[in-house]
Amino acid sequence: MKRSRSKVFAALVLAAAVGLSAIGLAVAAPQGMAQTGPTIPAWIHPGLVVVYDGVSAFVRNGRFTQGVREVMTTRVTSVAGNQVSAITNMQTVGAPIGGNHAWICDAAGNCRSDATGLNNKFWVDIAHPADSVKGPNGEPYRVLGQAPYSYGGRTWTGVGMSYVNPATGVQLMLTYDARTGLILQYSETSPSEQVHIYFRTMSGQ
């Protein structure tokens, strides 16, 4: 999941996550062939809808300003050629501001969109996590390890990944579910702004 740092969404957590036990996802590798690189998880298919909540703000003199809350609803339109195409509706909470954005991402985390730097890639290949996701400018992630991840009264076995640039103060973090690869949490922080996005729910599986 990427975000242009000029298009922000988060400073505080707003959403309650829904447990994967209620979602009933299944993970399977393609039959008859060994997986040698990242692939699209088997539970992603046309018609799948994934919803995230986000909040963002600029940082001025150590304080948050111009906070924005948004709901991001993504509907998968096709899965083919190791690529996922989708449309994300972005709706600002409490304001009539929003719109749809089409995007496509491949299994290696290469994405393009009708809005520069914007897509809502919501998965990691659990067999090749570091090879299946990139930061907004192609930044490489490293896997930090597993730990329980609790949010909204639910707990998953989460796997953390991060990218840190001490020279610029930019830090990218994400947590994905160890069983399915669903991204549960994503954040970008820098000295001038913060973005935090949290999984809310999924339907159409």
N, C-alpha and C. Protein backbone atom coordinates (compact mmCIF):
# COMPACT_ATOMS: atom_id res chain seq x y z
N MET A 1 0.86 -1.20 0.00
CA MET A 1 0.00 0.00 0.00
C MET A 1 0.89 1.24 0.00
N LYS A 2 0.67 2.13 -0.95
CA LYS A 2 1.51 3.31 -1.08
C LYS A 2 0.68 4.57 -0.91
N ARG A 3 1.36 5.62 -0.55
CA ARG A 3 0.73 6.93 -0.48
C ARG A 3 1.75 7.98 -0.90
N SER A 4 1.34 8.93 -1.72
CA SER A 4 2.17 10.10 -1.96
C SER A 4 2.25 10.90 -0.68
N ARG A 5 3.44 11.35 -0.33
CA ARG A 5 3.56 12.09 0.92
C ARG A 5 2.92 13.46 0.85
N SER A 6 2.52 13.90 -0.36
CA SER A 6 1.78 15.15 -0.46
C SER A 6 0.29 14.93 -0.31
N LYS A 7 -0.15 13.67 -0.25
CA LYS A 7 -1.57 13.36 -0.11
C LYS A 7 -1.70 12.53 1.14
N VAL A 8 -2.08 13.16 2.24
CA VAL A 8 -1.98 12.51 3.54
C VAL A 8 -3.32 12.05 4.04
N PHE A 9 -3.29 11.07 4.95
CA PHE A 9 -4.52 10.52 5.48
C PHE A 9 -4.54 10.30 6.98
N ALA A 10 -3.41 10.46 7.79
CA ALA A 10 -3.58 9.95 9.13
C ALA A 10 -2.70 10.55 10.19
N ALA A 11 -3.26 10.75 11.40
CA ALA A 11 -2.49 11.07 12.59
C ALA A 11 -2.95 10.26 13.78
N LEU A 12 -4.18 9.77 13.77
CA LEU A 12 -4.74 8.98 14.86
C LEU A 12 -5.45 7.77 14.28
N VAL A 13 -5.58 6.69 15.04
CA VAL A 13 -6.26 5.49 14.60
C VAL A 13 -7.76 5.65 14.83
N LEU A 14 -8.57 5.30 13.80
CA LEU A 14 -10.01 5.49 13.92
C LEU A 14 -10.81 4.20 13.85
N ALA A 15 -10.28 3.17 13.16
CA ALA A 15 -11.15 2.06 12.79
C ALA A 15 -11.01 0.87 13.72
N ALA A 16 -12.03 0.06 13.77
CA ALA A 16 -11.99 -1.21 14.50
C ALA A 16 -11.78 -2.32 13.48
N ALA A 17 -10.71 -3.09 13.65
CA ALA A 17 -10.41 -4.14 12.68
C ALA A 17 -11.30 -5.35 12.91
N VAL A 18 -11.57 -6.07 11.84
CA VAL A 18 -12.39 -7.26 11.91
C VAL A 18 -11.49 -8.48 11.80
N GLY A 19 -11.66 -9.48 12.66
CA GLY A 19 -10.78 -10.65 12.73
C GLY A 19 -10.86 -11.49 11.48
N LEU A 20 -9.74 -12.10 11.11
CA LEU A 20 -9.71 -12.93 9.92
C LEU A 20 -10.50 -14.22 10.12
N SER A 21 -10.71 -14.63 11.36
CA SER A 21 -11.53 -15.81 11.59
C SER A 21 -12.95 -15.58 11.09
N ALA A 22 -13.41 -14.33 11.16
CA ALA A 22 -14.74 -14.01 10.66
C ALA A 22 -14.74 -13.85 9.15
N ILE A 23 -13.58 -13.56 8.58
CA ILE A 23 -13.49 -13.36 7.14
C ILE A 23 -13.41 -14.70 6.42
N GLY A 24 -12.72 -15.67 7.02
CA GLY A 24 -12.63 -16.99 6.42
C GLY A 24 -11.75 -17.04 5.19
N LEU A 25 -10.59 -16.41 5.24
CA LEU A 25 -9.69 -16.42 4.09
C LEU A 25 -8.95 -17.73 4.01
N ALA A 26 -8.54 -18.08 2.81
CA ALA A 26 -7.73 -19.28 2.61
C ALA A 26 -6.53 -18.90 1.77
N VAL A 27 -5.41 -19.56 2.00
CA VAL A 27 -4.19 -19.27 1.27
C VAL A 27 -3.74 -20.54 0.58
N ALA A 28 -3.41 -20.46 -0.69
CA ALA A 28 -2.97 -21.64 -1.41
C ALA A 28 -2.00 -21.22 -2.49
N ALA A 29 -0.96 -22.03 -2.71
CA ALA A 29 -0.03 -21.80 -3.80
C ALA A 29 -0.58 -22.43 -5.06
N PRO A 30 -0.21 -21.91 -6.23
CA PRO A 30 -0.67 -22.53 -7.47
C PRO A 30 -0.29 -23.99 -7.53
N GLN A 31 -1.24 -24.85 -7.93
CA GLN A 31 -0.98 -26.28 -7.97
C GLN A 31 -0.14 -26.63 -9.17
N GLY A 32 0.71 -27.62 -8.97
CA GLY A 32 1.50 -28.14 -10.07
C GLY A 32 2.76 -27.36 -10.38
N MET A 33 3.07 -26.34 -9.59
CA MET A 33 4.30 -25.59 -9.85
C MET A 33 4.85 -25.05 -8.53
N ALA A 34 6.16 -24.99 -8.46
CA ALA A 34 6.81 -24.44 -7.27
C ALA A 34 6.81 -22.92 -7.37
N GLN A 35 6.63 -22.27 -6.23
CA GLN A 35 6.64 -20.81 -6.21
C GLN A 35 8.07 -20.34 -6.11
N THR A 36 8.54 -19.63 -7.13
CA THR A 36 9.92 -19.16 -7.16
C THR A 36 10.04 -17.66 -6.94
N GLY A 37 8.93 -16.95 -6.95
CA GLY A 37 8.92 -15.52 -6.72
C GLY A 37 7.56 -15.13 -6.19
N PRO A 38 7.36 -13.86 -5.90
CA PRO A 38 6.08 -13.45 -5.34
C PRO A 38 4.91 -13.69 -6.29
N THR A 39 3.79 -14.11 -5.72
CA THR A 39 2.57 -14.32 -6.48
C THR A 39 1.42 -13.63 -5.76
N ILE A 40 0.29 -13.54 -6.42
CA ILE A 40 -0.91 -12.96 -5.82
C ILE A 40 -1.56 -14.00 -4.91
N PRO A 41 -1.86 -13.68 -3.67
CA PRO A 41 -2.53 -14.65 -2.79
C PRO A 41 -3.83 -15.16 -3.40
N ALA A 42 -4.14 -16.44 -3.15
CA ALA A 42 -5.30 -17.09 -3.78
C ALA A 42 -6.62 -16.49 -3.34
N TRP A 43 -6.65 -15.81 -2.19
CA TRP A 43 -7.92 -15.27 -1.70
C TRP A 43 -8.32 -13.95 -2.37
N ILE A 44 -7.44 -13.39 -3.18
CA ILE A 44 -7.76 -12.15 -3.89
C ILE A 44 -8.41 -12.50 -5.23
N HIS A 45 -9.58 -11.95 -5.49
CA HIS A 45 -10.33 -12.27 -6.70
C HIS A 45 -11.25 -11.10 -7.05
N PRO A 46 -11.74 -11.06 -8.29
CA PRO A 46 -12.66 -9.99 -8.67
C PRO A 46 -13.90 -9.98 -7.77
N GLY A 47 -14.32 -8.79 -7.38
CA GLY A 47 -15.46 -8.64 -6.50
C GLY A 47 -15.11 -8.50 -5.04
N LEU A 48 -13.87 -8.81 -4.67
CA LEU A 48 -13.45 -8.65 -3.28
C LEU A 48 -13.42 -7.16 -2.93
N VAL A 49 -13.94 -6.83 -1.75
CA VAL A 49 -13.97 -5.45 -1.29
C VAL A 49 -13.22 -5.36 0.05
N VAL A 50 -12.28 -4.46 0.13
CA VAL A 50 -11.48 -4.27 1.34
C VAL A 50 -11.59 -2.81 1.75
N VAL A 51 -11.85 -2.59 3.05
CA VAL A 51 -12.07 -1.23 3.55
C VAL A 51 -11.02 -0.90 4.61
N TYR A 52 -10.43 0.28 4.47
CA TYR A 52 -9.47 0.79 5.45
C TYR A 52 -9.93 2.17 5.92
N ASP A 53 -9.57 2.49 7.16
CA ASP A 53 -9.76 3.83 7.68
C ASP A 53 -8.39 4.48 7.83
N GLY A 54 -8.33 5.77 7.58
CA GLY A 54 -7.06 6.46 7.72
C GLY A 54 -7.24 7.85 8.27
N VAL A 55 -6.21 8.32 8.90
CA VAL A 55 -6.15 9.71 9.34
C VAL A 55 -4.76 10.23 9.03
N SER A 56 -4.66 11.51 8.75
CA SER A 56 -3.37 12.10 8.41
C SER A 56 -3.31 13.51 8.91
N ALA A 57 -2.10 14.02 9.00
CA ALA A 57 -1.91 15.41 9.41
C ALA A 57 -0.50 15.86 9.06
N PHE A 58 -0.37 17.15 8.82
CA PHE A 58 0.95 17.75 8.75
C PHE A 58 1.46 18.00 10.16
N VAL A 59 2.76 18.12 10.29
CA VAL A 59 3.38 18.39 11.58
C VAL A 59 4.07 19.74 11.50
N ARG A 60 3.68 20.64 12.39
CA ARG A 60 4.27 21.98 12.44
C ARG A 60 4.69 22.25 13.88
N ASN A 61 5.99 22.49 14.08
CA ASN A 61 6.53 22.77 15.41
C ASN A 61 6.13 21.70 16.42
N GLY A 62 6.16 20.44 15.96
CA GLY A 62 5.86 19.33 16.85
C GLY A 62 4.39 19.10 17.11
N ARG A 63 3.51 19.83 16.42
CA ARG A 63 2.07 19.68 16.63
C ARG A 63 1.40 19.32 15.31
N PHE A 64 0.32 18.54 15.40
CA PHE A 64 -0.42 18.13 14.22
C PHE A 64 -1.35 19.24 13.76
N THR A 65 -1.40 19.46 12.45
CA THR A 65 -2.31 20.45 11.88
C THR A 65 -2.95 19.87 10.63
N GLN A 66 -4.07 20.44 10.23
CA GLN A 66 -4.77 20.06 9.01
C GLN A 66 -5.04 18.57 8.95
N GLY A 67 -5.57 18.03 10.04
CA GLY A 67 -5.90 16.61 10.08
C GLY A 67 -7.05 16.25 9.15
N VAL A 68 -6.94 15.10 8.53
CA VAL A 68 -7.95 14.60 7.60
C VAL A 68 -8.25 13.15 7.94
N ARG A 69 -9.54 12.81 7.96
CA ARG A 69 -9.96 11.41 8.14
C ARG A 69 -10.61 10.93 6.85
N GLU A 70 -10.27 9.73 6.44
CA GLU A 70 -10.83 9.19 5.20
C GLU A 70 -11.18 7.72 5.37
N VAL A 71 -12.13 7.27 4.55
CA VAL A 71 -12.46 5.86 4.41
C VAL A 71 -12.09 5.46 2.99
N MET A 72 -11.31 4.40 2.85
CA MET A 72 -10.84 3.93 1.55
C MET A 72 -11.44 2.57 1.27
N THR A 73 -12.32 2.50 0.29
CA THR A 73 -13.01 1.26 -0.07
C THR A 73 -12.51 0.79 -1.42
N THR A 74 -11.86 -0.36 -1.44
CA THR A 74 -11.25 -0.89 -2.65
C THR A 74 -12.02 -2.11 -3.14
N ARG A 75 -12.38 -2.08 -4.43
CA ARG A 75 -13.03 -3.24 -5.06
C ARG A 75 -12.11 -3.78 -6.14
N VAL A 76 -11.79 -5.07 -6.05
CA VAL A 76 -10.94 -5.71 -7.05
C VAL A 76 -11.75 -5.93 -8.32
N THR A 77 -11.22 -5.50 -9.45
CA THR A 77 -11.92 -5.65 -10.73
C THR A 77 -11.38 -6.80 -11.56
N SER A 78 -10.10 -7.13 -11.41
CA SER A 78 -9.56 -8.28 -12.15
C SER A 78 -8.27 -8.77 -11.49
N VAL A 79 -8.01 -10.04 -11.67
CA VAL A 79 -6.76 -10.66 -11.24
C VAL A 79 -6.28 -11.51 -12.41
N ALA A 80 -5.20 -11.11 -13.04
CA ALA A 80 -4.70 -11.81 -14.22
C ALA A 80 -3.25 -11.46 -14.44
N GLY A 81 -2.49 -12.43 -14.95
CA GLY A 81 -1.09 -12.18 -15.28
C GLY A 81 -0.26 -11.76 -14.08
N ASN A 82 -0.58 -12.31 -12.91
CA ASN A 82 0.12 -11.97 -11.67
C ASN A 82 -0.03 -10.49 -11.31
N GLN A 83 -1.17 -9.91 -11.71
CA GLN A 83 -1.48 -8.52 -11.41
C GLN A 83 -2.90 -8.39 -10.87
N VAL A 84 -3.10 -7.40 -10.03
CA VAL A 84 -4.41 -7.09 -9.49
C VAL A 84 -4.80 -5.70 -9.96
N SER A 85 -5.99 -5.57 -10.53
CA SER A 85 -6.54 -4.26 -10.89
C SER A 85 -7.69 -3.97 -9.95
N ALA A 86 -7.82 -2.72 -9.54
CA ALA A 86 -8.86 -2.36 -8.57
C ALA A 86 -9.22 -0.90 -8.71
N ILE A 87 -10.35 -0.55 -8.11
CA ILE A 87 -10.79 0.83 -8.01
C ILE A 87 -11.00 1.14 -6.54
N THR A 88 -10.42 2.23 -6.08
CA THR A 88 -10.55 2.65 -4.68
C THR A 88 -11.35 3.94 -4.61
N ASN A 89 -12.41 3.89 -3.82
CA ASN A 89 -13.16 5.11 -3.51
C ASN A 89 -12.60 5.71 -2.25
N MET A 90 -12.24 6.98 -2.32
CA MET A 90 -11.67 7.68 -1.18
C MET A 90 -12.65 8.75 -0.74
N GLN A 91 -13.17 8.62 0.47
CA GLN A 91 -14.19 9.53 0.97
C GLN A 91 -13.71 10.20 2.24
N THR A 92 -13.67 11.53 2.22
CA THR A 92 -13.30 12.28 3.42
C THR A 92 -14.45 12.26 4.41
N VAL A 93 -14.16 11.93 5.64
CA VAL A 93 -15.18 11.85 6.68
C VAL A 93 -15.66 13.26 7.03
N GLY A 94 -16.98 13.46 7.03
CA GLY A 94 -17.54 14.74 7.42
C GLY A 94 -17.49 15.81 6.37
N ALA A 95 -17.15 15.44 5.13
CA ALA A 95 -17.08 16.43 4.05
C ALA A 95 -17.43 15.75 2.73
N PRO A 96 -18.04 16.48 1.82
CA PRO A 96 -18.42 15.89 0.53
C PRO A 96 -17.25 15.85 -0.45
N ILE A 97 -16.12 15.37 0.02
CA ILE A 97 -14.91 15.32 -0.79
C ILE A 97 -14.51 13.86 -0.97
N GLY A 98 -14.35 13.45 -2.19
CA GLY A 98 -13.96 12.07 -2.45
C GLY A 98 -13.87 11.82 -3.94
N GLY A 99 -13.64 10.58 -4.27
CA GLY A 99 -13.52 10.23 -5.68
C GLY A 99 -12.99 8.82 -5.84
N ASN A 100 -13.06 8.33 -7.06
CA ASN A 100 -12.57 6.99 -7.38
C ASN A 100 -11.23 7.07 -8.09
N HIS A 101 -10.37 6.12 -7.78
CA HIS A 101 -9.06 6.03 -8.42
C HIS A 101 -8.80 4.59 -8.84
N ALA A 102 -8.43 4.42 -10.11
CA ALA A 102 -8.10 3.09 -10.63
C ALA A 102 -6.60 2.85 -10.48
N TRP A 103 -6.25 1.63 -10.12
CA TRP A 103 -4.84 1.29 -9.98
C TRP A 103 -4.61 -0.17 -10.29
N ILE A 104 -3.35 -0.52 -10.53
CA ILE A 104 -2.95 -1.89 -10.81
C ILE A 104 -1.61 -2.14 -10.14
N CYS A 105 -1.46 -3.29 -9.50
CA CYS A 105 -0.20 -3.67 -8.86
C CYS A 105 0.12 -5.11 -9.24
N ASP A 106 1.40 -5.38 -9.46
CA ASP A 106 1.79 -6.76 -9.69
C ASP A 106 2.27 -7.39 -8.39
N ALA A 107 2.60 -8.67 -8.46
CA ALA A 107 2.97 -9.41 -7.26
C ALA A 107 4.27 -8.92 -6.64
N ALA A 108 5.10 -8.24 -7.42
CA ALA A 108 6.38 -7.74 -6.92
C ALA A 108 6.27 -6.34 -6.33
N GLY A 109 5.06 -5.79 -6.24
CA GLY A 109 4.88 -4.48 -5.63
C GLY A 109 5.05 -3.32 -6.56
N ASN A 110 5.11 -3.57 -7.87
CA ASN A 110 5.19 -2.49 -8.85
C ASN A 110 3.77 -2.04 -9.18
N CYS A 111 3.49 -0.77 -8.96
CA CYS A 111 2.12 -0.27 -9.09
C CYS A 111 2.07 0.98 -9.97
N ARG A 112 0.91 1.16 -10.60
CA ARG A 112 0.65 2.41 -11.30
C ARG A 112 -0.81 2.76 -11.09
N SER A 113 -1.10 4.04 -11.21
CA SER A 113 -2.42 4.53 -10.84
C SER A 113 -2.77 5.75 -11.68
N ASP A 114 -4.06 6.12 -11.67
CA ASP A 114 -4.46 7.35 -12.35
C ASP A 114 -4.17 8.59 -11.51
N ALA A 115 -3.65 8.39 -10.30
CA ALA A 115 -3.20 9.49 -9.45
C ALA A 115 -1.78 9.18 -8.99
N THR A 116 -0.85 10.05 -9.26
CA THR A 116 0.56 9.79 -8.99
C THR A 116 0.80 9.39 -7.54
N GLY A 117 1.49 8.25 -7.36
CA GLY A 117 1.87 7.81 -6.02
C GLY A 117 0.75 7.22 -5.20
N LEU A 118 -0.42 7.02 -5.80
CA LEU A 118 -1.57 6.57 -5.04
C LEU A 118 -2.03 5.20 -5.49
N ASN A 119 -2.10 4.25 -4.55
CA ASN A 119 -2.78 2.98 -4.77
C ASN A 119 -3.11 2.42 -3.40
N ASN A 120 -3.84 1.35 -3.38
CA ASN A 120 -4.24 0.74 -2.11
C ASN A 120 -3.90 -0.74 -2.07
N LYS A 121 -2.69 -1.07 -2.46
CA LYS A 121 -2.23 -2.46 -2.39
C LYS A 121 -2.40 -2.96 -0.96
N PHE A 122 -3.12 -4.06 -0.79
CA PHE A 122 -3.52 -4.49 0.54
C PHE A 122 -2.99 -5.87 0.93
N TRP A 123 -2.00 -6.35 0.23
CA TRP A 123 -1.49 -7.69 0.53
C TRP A 123 0.03 -7.74 0.44
N VAL A 124 0.57 -8.78 1.07
CA VAL A 124 1.97 -9.17 0.97
C VAL A 124 1.98 -10.67 0.70
N ASP A 125 2.89 -11.13 -0.16
CA ASP A 125 3.06 -12.57 -0.37
C ASP A 125 3.83 -13.11 0.83
N ILE A 126 3.20 -13.95 1.63
CA ILE A 126 3.85 -14.41 2.87
C ILE A 126 5.09 -15.25 2.61
N ALA A 127 5.21 -15.83 1.41
CA ALA A 127 6.40 -16.61 1.08
C ALA A 127 7.57 -15.73 0.65
N HIS A 128 7.26 -14.53 0.16
CA HIS A 128 8.29 -13.60 -0.32
C HIS A 128 7.93 -12.18 0.10
N PRO A 129 7.84 -11.92 1.38
CA PRO A 129 7.33 -10.60 1.81
C PRO A 129 8.15 -9.42 1.33
N ALA A 130 9.47 -9.48 1.46
CA ALA A 130 10.31 -8.34 1.10
C ALA A 130 10.34 -8.10 -0.41
N ASP A 131 9.99 -9.13 -1.19
CA ASP A 131 9.99 -9.01 -2.64
C ASP A 131 8.62 -8.62 -3.19
N SER A 132 7.61 -8.48 -2.33
CA SER A 132 6.26 -8.26 -2.82
C SER A 132 5.68 -6.90 -2.44
N VAL A 133 6.48 -6.04 -1.82
CA VAL A 133 5.97 -4.72 -1.44
C VAL A 133 7.11 -3.71 -1.49
N LYS A 134 6.79 -2.48 -1.91
CA LYS A 134 7.77 -1.40 -1.98
C LYS A 134 7.15 -0.14 -1.40
N GLY A 135 7.99 0.79 -0.96
CA GLY A 135 7.52 2.07 -0.49
C GLY A 135 7.08 2.97 -1.64
N PRO A 136 6.55 4.17 -1.33
CA PRO A 136 6.03 5.07 -2.37
C PRO A 136 7.04 5.42 -3.45
N ASN A 137 8.32 5.43 -3.12
CA ASN A 137 9.36 5.75 -4.10
C ASN A 137 10.27 4.56 -4.35
N GLY A 138 9.71 3.35 -4.20
CA GLY A 138 10.48 2.13 -4.44
C GLY A 138 11.35 1.71 -3.26
N GLU A 139 11.11 2.27 -2.09
CA GLU A 139 11.93 1.95 -0.93
C GLU A 139 11.82 0.46 -0.56
N PRO A 140 12.93 -0.18 -0.25
CA PRO A 140 12.89 -1.59 0.11
C PRO A 140 12.54 -1.78 1.60
N TYR A 141 11.66 -2.71 1.86
CA TYR A 141 11.32 -3.05 3.24
C TYR A 141 12.20 -4.19 3.74
N ARG A 142 12.35 -4.25 5.05
CA ARG A 142 12.96 -5.42 5.67
C ARG A 142 12.00 -5.99 6.70
N VAL A 143 12.02 -7.30 6.85
CA VAL A 143 11.13 -7.98 7.78
C VAL A 143 11.70 -7.87 9.19
N LEU A 144 10.86 -7.45 10.13
CA LEU A 144 11.28 -7.30 11.52
C LEU A 144 11.02 -8.54 12.35
N GLY A 145 9.99 -9.30 12.01
CA GLY A 145 9.67 -10.50 12.76
C GLY A 145 8.21 -10.54 13.18
N GLN A 146 7.83 -11.65 13.81
CA GLN A 146 6.45 -11.87 14.22
C GLN A 146 6.20 -11.42 15.64
N ALA A 147 4.97 -11.00 15.90
CA ALA A 147 4.53 -10.65 17.24
C ALA A 147 3.01 -10.56 17.23
N PRO A 148 2.36 -10.78 18.35
CA PRO A 148 0.90 -10.59 18.39
C PRO A 148 0.56 -9.14 18.04
N TYR A 149 -0.46 -8.97 17.23
CA TYR A 149 -0.91 -7.64 16.83
C TYR A 149 -2.37 -7.53 17.23
N SER A 150 -2.68 -6.59 18.10
CA SER A 150 -4.04 -6.41 18.60
C SER A 150 -4.57 -5.05 18.19
N TYR A 151 -5.84 -5.07 17.77
CA TYR A 151 -6.47 -3.81 17.38
C TYR A 151 -7.98 -4.03 17.33
N GLY A 152 -8.72 -3.08 17.84
CA GLY A 152 -10.16 -3.17 17.78
C GLY A 152 -10.75 -4.39 18.43
N GLY A 153 -10.09 -4.90 19.48
CA GLY A 153 -10.58 -6.07 20.18
C GLY A 153 -10.22 -7.39 19.52
N ARG A 154 -9.42 -7.37 18.46
CA ARG A 154 -8.99 -8.58 17.76
C ARG A 154 -7.48 -8.72 17.86
N THR A 155 -7.01 -9.95 17.74
CA THR A 155 -5.58 -10.21 17.77
C THR A 155 -5.20 -11.14 16.63
N TRP A 156 -4.17 -10.77 15.92
CA TRP A 156 -3.61 -11.58 14.85
C TRP A 156 -2.17 -11.94 15.19
N THR A 157 -1.62 -12.90 14.46
CA THR A 157 -0.18 -13.09 14.44
C THR A 157 0.36 -12.18 13.36
N GLY A 158 0.91 -11.06 13.77
CA GLY A 158 1.35 -10.05 12.82
C GLY A 158 2.82 -10.19 12.49
N VAL A 159 3.19 -9.77 11.30
CA VAL A 159 4.59 -9.68 10.88
C VAL A 159 4.87 -8.23 10.53
N GLY A 160 5.87 -7.65 11.17
CA GLY A 160 6.22 -6.26 10.92
C GLY A 160 7.28 -6.12 9.85
N MET A 161 7.16 -5.06 9.06
CA MET A 161 8.16 -4.71 8.06
C MET A 161 8.40 -3.21 8.13
N SER A 162 9.61 -2.79 7.78
CA SER A 162 9.89 -1.36 7.87
C SER A 162 10.96 -0.92 6.89
N TYR A 163 10.95 0.38 6.64
CA TYR A 163 12.02 1.07 5.94
C TYR A 163 12.29 2.34 6.73
N VAL A 164 13.57 2.61 7.01
CA VAL A 164 13.94 3.80 7.79
C VAL A 164 15.08 4.51 7.09
N ASN A 165 14.96 5.82 6.94
CA ASN A 165 16.02 6.64 6.38
C ASN A 165 16.41 7.68 7.41
N PRO A 166 17.46 7.44 8.20
CA PRO A 166 17.84 8.39 9.25
C PRO A 166 18.19 9.78 8.71
N ALA A 167 18.67 9.85 7.47
CA ALA A 167 19.09 11.15 6.92
C ALA A 167 17.89 12.07 6.68
N THR A 168 16.76 11.50 6.29
CA THR A 168 15.58 12.31 6.00
C THR A 168 14.52 12.26 7.10
N GLY A 169 14.65 11.30 8.00
CA GLY A 169 13.64 11.13 9.04
C GLY A 169 12.40 10.42 8.57
N VAL A 170 12.44 9.84 7.37
CA VAL A 170 11.29 9.11 6.83
C VAL A 170 11.28 7.68 7.37
N GLN A 171 10.13 7.24 7.83
CA GLN A 171 9.97 5.88 8.30
C GLN A 171 8.66 5.31 7.75
N LEU A 172 8.76 4.14 7.13
CA LEU A 172 7.60 3.41 6.62
C LEU A 172 7.44 2.14 7.44
N MET A 173 6.23 1.86 7.85
CA MET A 173 5.96 0.67 8.65
C MET A 173 4.69 0.00 8.13
N LEU A 174 4.71 -1.34 8.13
CA LEU A 174 3.47 -2.06 7.87
C LEU A 174 3.47 -3.34 8.68
N THR A 175 2.26 -3.81 8.96
CA THR A 175 2.06 -5.08 9.64
C THR A 175 1.10 -5.90 8.80
N TYR A 176 1.46 -7.15 8.53
CA TYR A 176 0.55 -8.01 7.77
C TYR A 176 0.24 -9.28 8.56
N ASP A 177 -0.88 -9.89 8.25
CA ASP A 177 -1.28 -11.12 8.90
C ASP A 177 -0.42 -12.27 8.42
N ALA A 178 0.19 -13.00 9.36
CA ALA A 178 1.14 -14.05 9.01
C ALA A 178 0.49 -15.19 8.24
N ARG A 179 -0.82 -15.36 8.39
CA ARG A 179 -1.50 -16.48 7.74
C ARG A 179 -1.91 -16.18 6.32
N THR A 180 -2.31 -14.95 6.04
CA THR A 180 -2.87 -14.62 4.73
C THR A 180 -2.08 -13.59 3.94
N GLY A 181 -1.32 -12.75 4.61
CA GLY A 181 -0.64 -11.66 3.94
C GLY A 181 -1.45 -10.38 3.85
N LEU A 182 -2.66 -10.37 4.39
CA LEU A 182 -3.47 -9.14 4.40
C LEU A 182 -2.76 -8.07 5.21
N ILE A 183 -2.60 -6.88 4.63
CA ILE A 183 -1.98 -5.77 5.35
C ILE A 183 -2.98 -5.23 6.37
N LEU A 184 -2.58 -5.25 7.63
CA LEU A 184 -3.44 -4.82 8.73
C LEU A 184 -3.21 -3.37 9.10
N GLN A 185 -2.00 -2.88 8.89
CA GLN A 185 -1.64 -1.53 9.30
C GLN A 185 -0.54 -1.01 8.41
N TYR A 186 -0.61 0.27 8.06
CA TYR A 186 0.42 0.90 7.25
C TYR A 186 0.60 2.32 7.72
N SER A 187 1.85 2.78 7.80
CA SER A 187 2.07 4.17 8.21
C SER A 187 3.30 4.74 7.52
N GLU A 188 3.24 6.04 7.30
CA GLU A 188 4.38 6.83 6.85
C GLU A 188 4.55 7.97 7.83
N THR A 189 5.77 8.16 8.31
CA THR A 189 6.04 9.31 9.16
C THR A 189 7.28 10.03 8.64
N SER A 190 7.24 11.34 8.77
CA SER A 190 8.37 12.19 8.39
C SER A 190 8.33 13.39 9.31
N PRO A 191 9.36 14.23 9.30
CA PRO A 191 9.34 15.41 10.16
C PRO A 191 8.19 16.37 9.86
N SER A 192 7.59 16.27 8.65
CA SER A 192 6.56 17.25 8.28
C SER A 192 5.14 16.70 8.25
N GLU A 193 4.97 15.38 8.24
CA GLU A 193 3.62 14.83 8.19
C GLU A 193 3.59 13.37 8.60
N GLN A 194 2.38 12.88 8.87
CA GLN A 194 2.17 11.49 9.23
C GLN A 194 0.94 10.95 8.51
N VAL A 195 1.01 9.67 8.16
CA VAL A 195 -0.09 8.94 7.54
C VAL A 195 -0.21 7.60 8.25
N HIS A 196 -1.42 7.25 8.68
CA HIS A 196 -1.66 5.96 9.32
C HIS A 196 -2.95 5.37 8.77
N ILE A 197 -2.91 4.13 8.33
CA ILE A 197 -4.04 3.47 7.71
C ILE A 197 -4.25 2.11 8.39
N TYR A 198 -5.51 1.78 8.69
CA TYR A 198 -5.81 0.56 9.44
C TYR A 198 -6.96 -0.21 8.78
N PHE A 199 -6.76 -1.51 8.69
CA PHE A 199 -7.78 -2.39 8.12
C PHE A 199 -9.06 -2.33 8.93
N ARG A 200 -10.19 -2.20 8.21
CA ARG A 200 -11.48 -2.22 8.89
C ARG A 200 -12.22 -3.54 8.66
N THR A 201 -12.47 -3.88 7.38
CA THR A 201 -13.26 -5.06 7.10
C THR A 201 -13.08 -5.50 5.64
N MET A 202 -13.65 -6.66 5.33
CA MET A 202 -13.55 -7.23 4.00
C MET A 202 -14.85 -7.95 3.69
N SER A 203 -15.26 -7.92 2.42
CA SER A 203 -16.46 -8.63 2.02
C SER A 203 -16.32 -9.13 0.59
N GLY A 204 -17.24 -9.99 0.18
CA GLY A 204 -17.24 -10.51 -1.17
C GLY A 204 -16.26 -11.63 -1.41
N GLN A 205 -15.77 -12.24 -0.31
CA GLN A 205 -14.80 -13.32 -0.50
C GLN A 205 -15.49 -14.64 -0.78
